[in-house]
C-alpha atoms as a PDB file:
ATOM      1  CA  UNK A   1     -26.993   7.860   4.663  1.00  0.00           C
ATOM      2  CA  UNK A   2     -29.833   5.677   3.389  1.00  0.00           C
ATOM      3  CA  UNK A   3     -27.476   3.690   1.165  1.00  0.00           C
ATOM      4  CA  UNK A   4     -25.125   3.104   4.105  1.00  0.00           C
ATOM      5  CA  UNK A   5     -28.026   1.930   6.275  1.00  0.00           C
ATOM      6  CA  UNK A   6     -29.151  -0.384   3.487  1.00  0.00           C
ATOM      7  CA  UNK A   7     -25.670  -1.904   3.111  1.00  0.00           C
ATOM      8  CA  UNK A   8     -25.374  -2.410   6.874  1.00  0.00           C
ATOM      9  CA  UNK A   9     -28.747  -4.165   6.932  1.00  0.00           C
ATOM     10  CA  UNK A  10     -27.686  -6.362   4.013  1.00  0.00           C
ATOM     11  CA  UNK A  11     -24.461  -7.284   5.795  1.00  0.00           C
ATOM     12  CA  UNK A  12     -26.235  -8.092   9.055  1.00  0.00           C
ATOM     13  CA  UNK A  13     -28.815 -10.239   7.265  1.00  0.00           C
ATOM     14  CA  UNK A  14     -26.105 -11.807   5.094  1.00  0.00           C
ATOM     15  CA  UNK A  15     -28.091 -10.818   2.006  1.00  0.00           C
ATOM     16  CA  UNK A  16     -25.303  -8.948   0.300  1.00  0.00           C
ATOM     17  CA  UNK A  17     -23.899  -9.769  -3.112  1.00  0.00           C
ATOM     18  CA  UNK A  18     -21.148 -12.076  -1.934  1.00  0.00           C
ATOM     19  CA  UNK A  19     -20.768 -15.517  -3.460  1.00  0.00           C
ATOM     20  CA  UNK A  20     -22.065 -17.419  -0.407  1.00  0.00           C
ATOM     21  CA  UNK A  21     -25.395 -15.585  -0.709  1.00  0.00           C
ATOM     22  CA  UNK A  22     -25.449 -15.763  -4.507  1.00  0.00           C
ATOM     23  CA  UNK A  23     -24.922 -19.528  -4.351  1.00  0.00           C
ATOM     24  CA  UNK A  24     -27.742 -19.851  -1.836  1.00  0.00           C
ATOM     25  CA  UNK A  25     -30.131 -18.121  -4.261  1.00  0.00           C
ATOM     26  CA  UNK A  26     -28.721 -20.101  -7.213  1.00  0.00           C
ATOM     27  CA  UNK A  27     -27.071 -17.206  -9.049  1.00  0.00           C
ATOM     28  CA  UNK A  28     -23.562 -18.708  -9.049  1.00  0.00           C
ATOM     29  CA  UNK A  29     -22.263 -22.275  -9.026  1.00  0.00           C
ATOM     30  CA  UNK A  30     -19.854 -21.978  -6.111  1.00  0.00           C
ATOM     31  CA  UNK A  31     -19.283 -19.748  -3.089  1.00  0.00           C
ATOM     32  CA  UNK A  32     -15.517 -19.410  -3.591  1.00  0.00           C
ATOM     33  CA  UNK A  33     -13.981 -15.965  -3.042  1.00  0.00           C
ATOM     34  CA  UNK A  34     -13.062 -14.597  -6.490  1.00  0.00           C
ATOM     35  CA  UNK A  35     -10.252 -12.496  -5.039  1.00  0.00           C
ATOM     36  CA  UNK A  36      -8.264 -14.934  -2.888  1.00  0.00           C
ATOM     37  CA  UNK A  37      -9.794 -18.316  -3.758  1.00  0.00           C
ATOM     38  CA  UNK A  38     -10.986 -19.155  -0.224  1.00  0.00           C
ATOM     39  CA  UNK A  39     -13.717 -21.820  -0.115  1.00  0.00           C
ATOM     40  CA  UNK A  40     -16.533 -19.464   0.897  1.00  0.00           C
ATOM     41  CA  UNK A  41     -16.897 -15.727   0.323  1.00  0.00           C
ATOM     42  CA  UNK A  42     -19.269 -14.805   3.149  1.00  0.00           C
ATOM     43  CA  UNK A  43     -19.651 -11.679   5.268  1.00  0.00           C
ATOM     44  CA  UNK A  44     -17.104 -12.779   7.856  1.00  0.00           C
ATOM     45  CA  UNK A  45     -14.534 -13.652   5.196  1.00  0.00           C
ATOM     46  CA  UNK A  46     -15.114 -10.429   3.249  1.00  0.00           C
ATOM     47  CA  UNK A  47     -14.932  -8.089   6.252  1.00  0.00           C
ATOM     48  CA  UNK A  48     -12.465  -9.833   8.542  1.00  0.00           C
ATOM     49  CA  UNK A  49     -10.369 -12.501   6.857  1.00  0.00           C
ATOM     50  CA  UNK A  50      -9.782 -12.039   3.137  1.00  0.00           C
ATOM     51  CA  UNK A  51      -6.039 -11.426   2.772  1.00  0.00           C
ATOM     52  CA  UNK A  52      -6.640  -9.368  -0.350  1.00  0.00           C
ATOM     53  CA  UNK A  53      -8.394  -6.668   1.718  1.00  0.00           C
ATOM     54  CA  UNK A  54      -5.887  -6.608   4.604  1.00  0.00           C
ATOM     55  CA  UNK A  55      -4.483  -3.241   3.551  1.00  0.00           C
ATOM     56  CA  UNK A  56      -7.953  -1.649   3.476  1.00  0.00           C
ATOM     57  CA  UNK A  57      -8.732  -3.003   6.951  1.00  0.00           C
ATOM     58  CA  UNK A  58      -5.386  -1.756   8.234  1.00  0.00           C
ATOM     59  CA  UNK A  59      -5.927   1.719   6.739  1.00  0.00           C
ATOM     60  CA  UNK A  60      -9.305   2.057   8.449  1.00  0.00           C
ATOM     61  CA  UNK A  61      -7.831   1.309  11.861  1.00  0.00           C
ATOM     62  CA  UNK A  62      -5.025   3.886  11.675  1.00  0.00           C
ATOM     63  CA  UNK A  63      -5.433   7.146  13.623  1.00  0.00           C
ATOM     64  CA  UNK A  64      -5.482  10.417  11.719  1.00  0.00           C
ATOM     65  CA  UNK A  65      -7.156   9.106   8.592  1.00  0.00           C
ATOM     66  CA  UNK A  66      -9.898  11.766   8.291  1.00  0.00           C
ATOM     67  CA  UNK A  67     -13.357  10.384   9.161  1.00  0.00           C
ATOM     68  CA  UNK A  68     -12.572   6.771   8.342  1.00  0.00           C
ATOM     69  CA  UNK A  69     -11.771   5.488  11.857  1.00  0.00           C
ATOM     70  CA  UNK A  70     -15.012   6.791  13.335  1.00  0.00           C
ATOM     71  CA  UNK A  71     -16.968   5.386  10.395  1.00  0.00           C
ATOM     72  CA  UNK A  72     -15.156   2.083  10.791  1.00  0.00           C
ATOM     73  CA  UNK A  73     -15.959   1.918  14.514  1.00  0.00           C
ATOM     74  CA  UNK A  74     -19.575   2.896  13.800  1.00  0.00           C
ATOM     75  CA  UNK A  75     -19.931   0.147  11.207  1.00  0.00           C
ATOM     76  CA  UNK A  76     -18.455  -2.515  13.508  1.00  0.00           C
ATOM     77  CA  UNK A  77     -20.702  -1.442  16.388  1.00  0.00           C
ATOM     78  CA  UNK A  78     -23.760  -1.320  14.137  1.00  0.00           C
ATOM     79  CA  UNK A  79     -23.052  -4.655  12.475  1.00  0.00           C
ATOM     80  CA  UNK A  80     -22.586  -6.390  15.842  1.00  0.00           C
ATOM     81  CA  UNK A  81     -20.224  -8.916  14.305  1.00  0.00           C
ATOM     82  CA  UNK A  82     -19.886 -10.918  17.518  1.00  0.00           C
ATOM     83  CA  UNK A  83     -22.165 -13.600  16.042  1.00  0.00           C
ATOM     84  CA  UNK A  84     -19.664 -14.258  13.255  1.00  0.00           C
END
């Protein structure tokens, strides 16, 4: 549970190892998404928009998928992504 809480905090603070953050701290040269090539791989892109992860997002929203839907809803509520 501690690892999950840590990841949620990193996502909310936008200090997670995505290229937008890594560029900001000068670890990579550009913020481009390595999976789909979008201009900036940030939290919003990674969680909500990247077409390469559409199937994973869809799977998490389907009923009857063990504990995933409740975890998914918990993560969205905890992240409070309305600011994105």
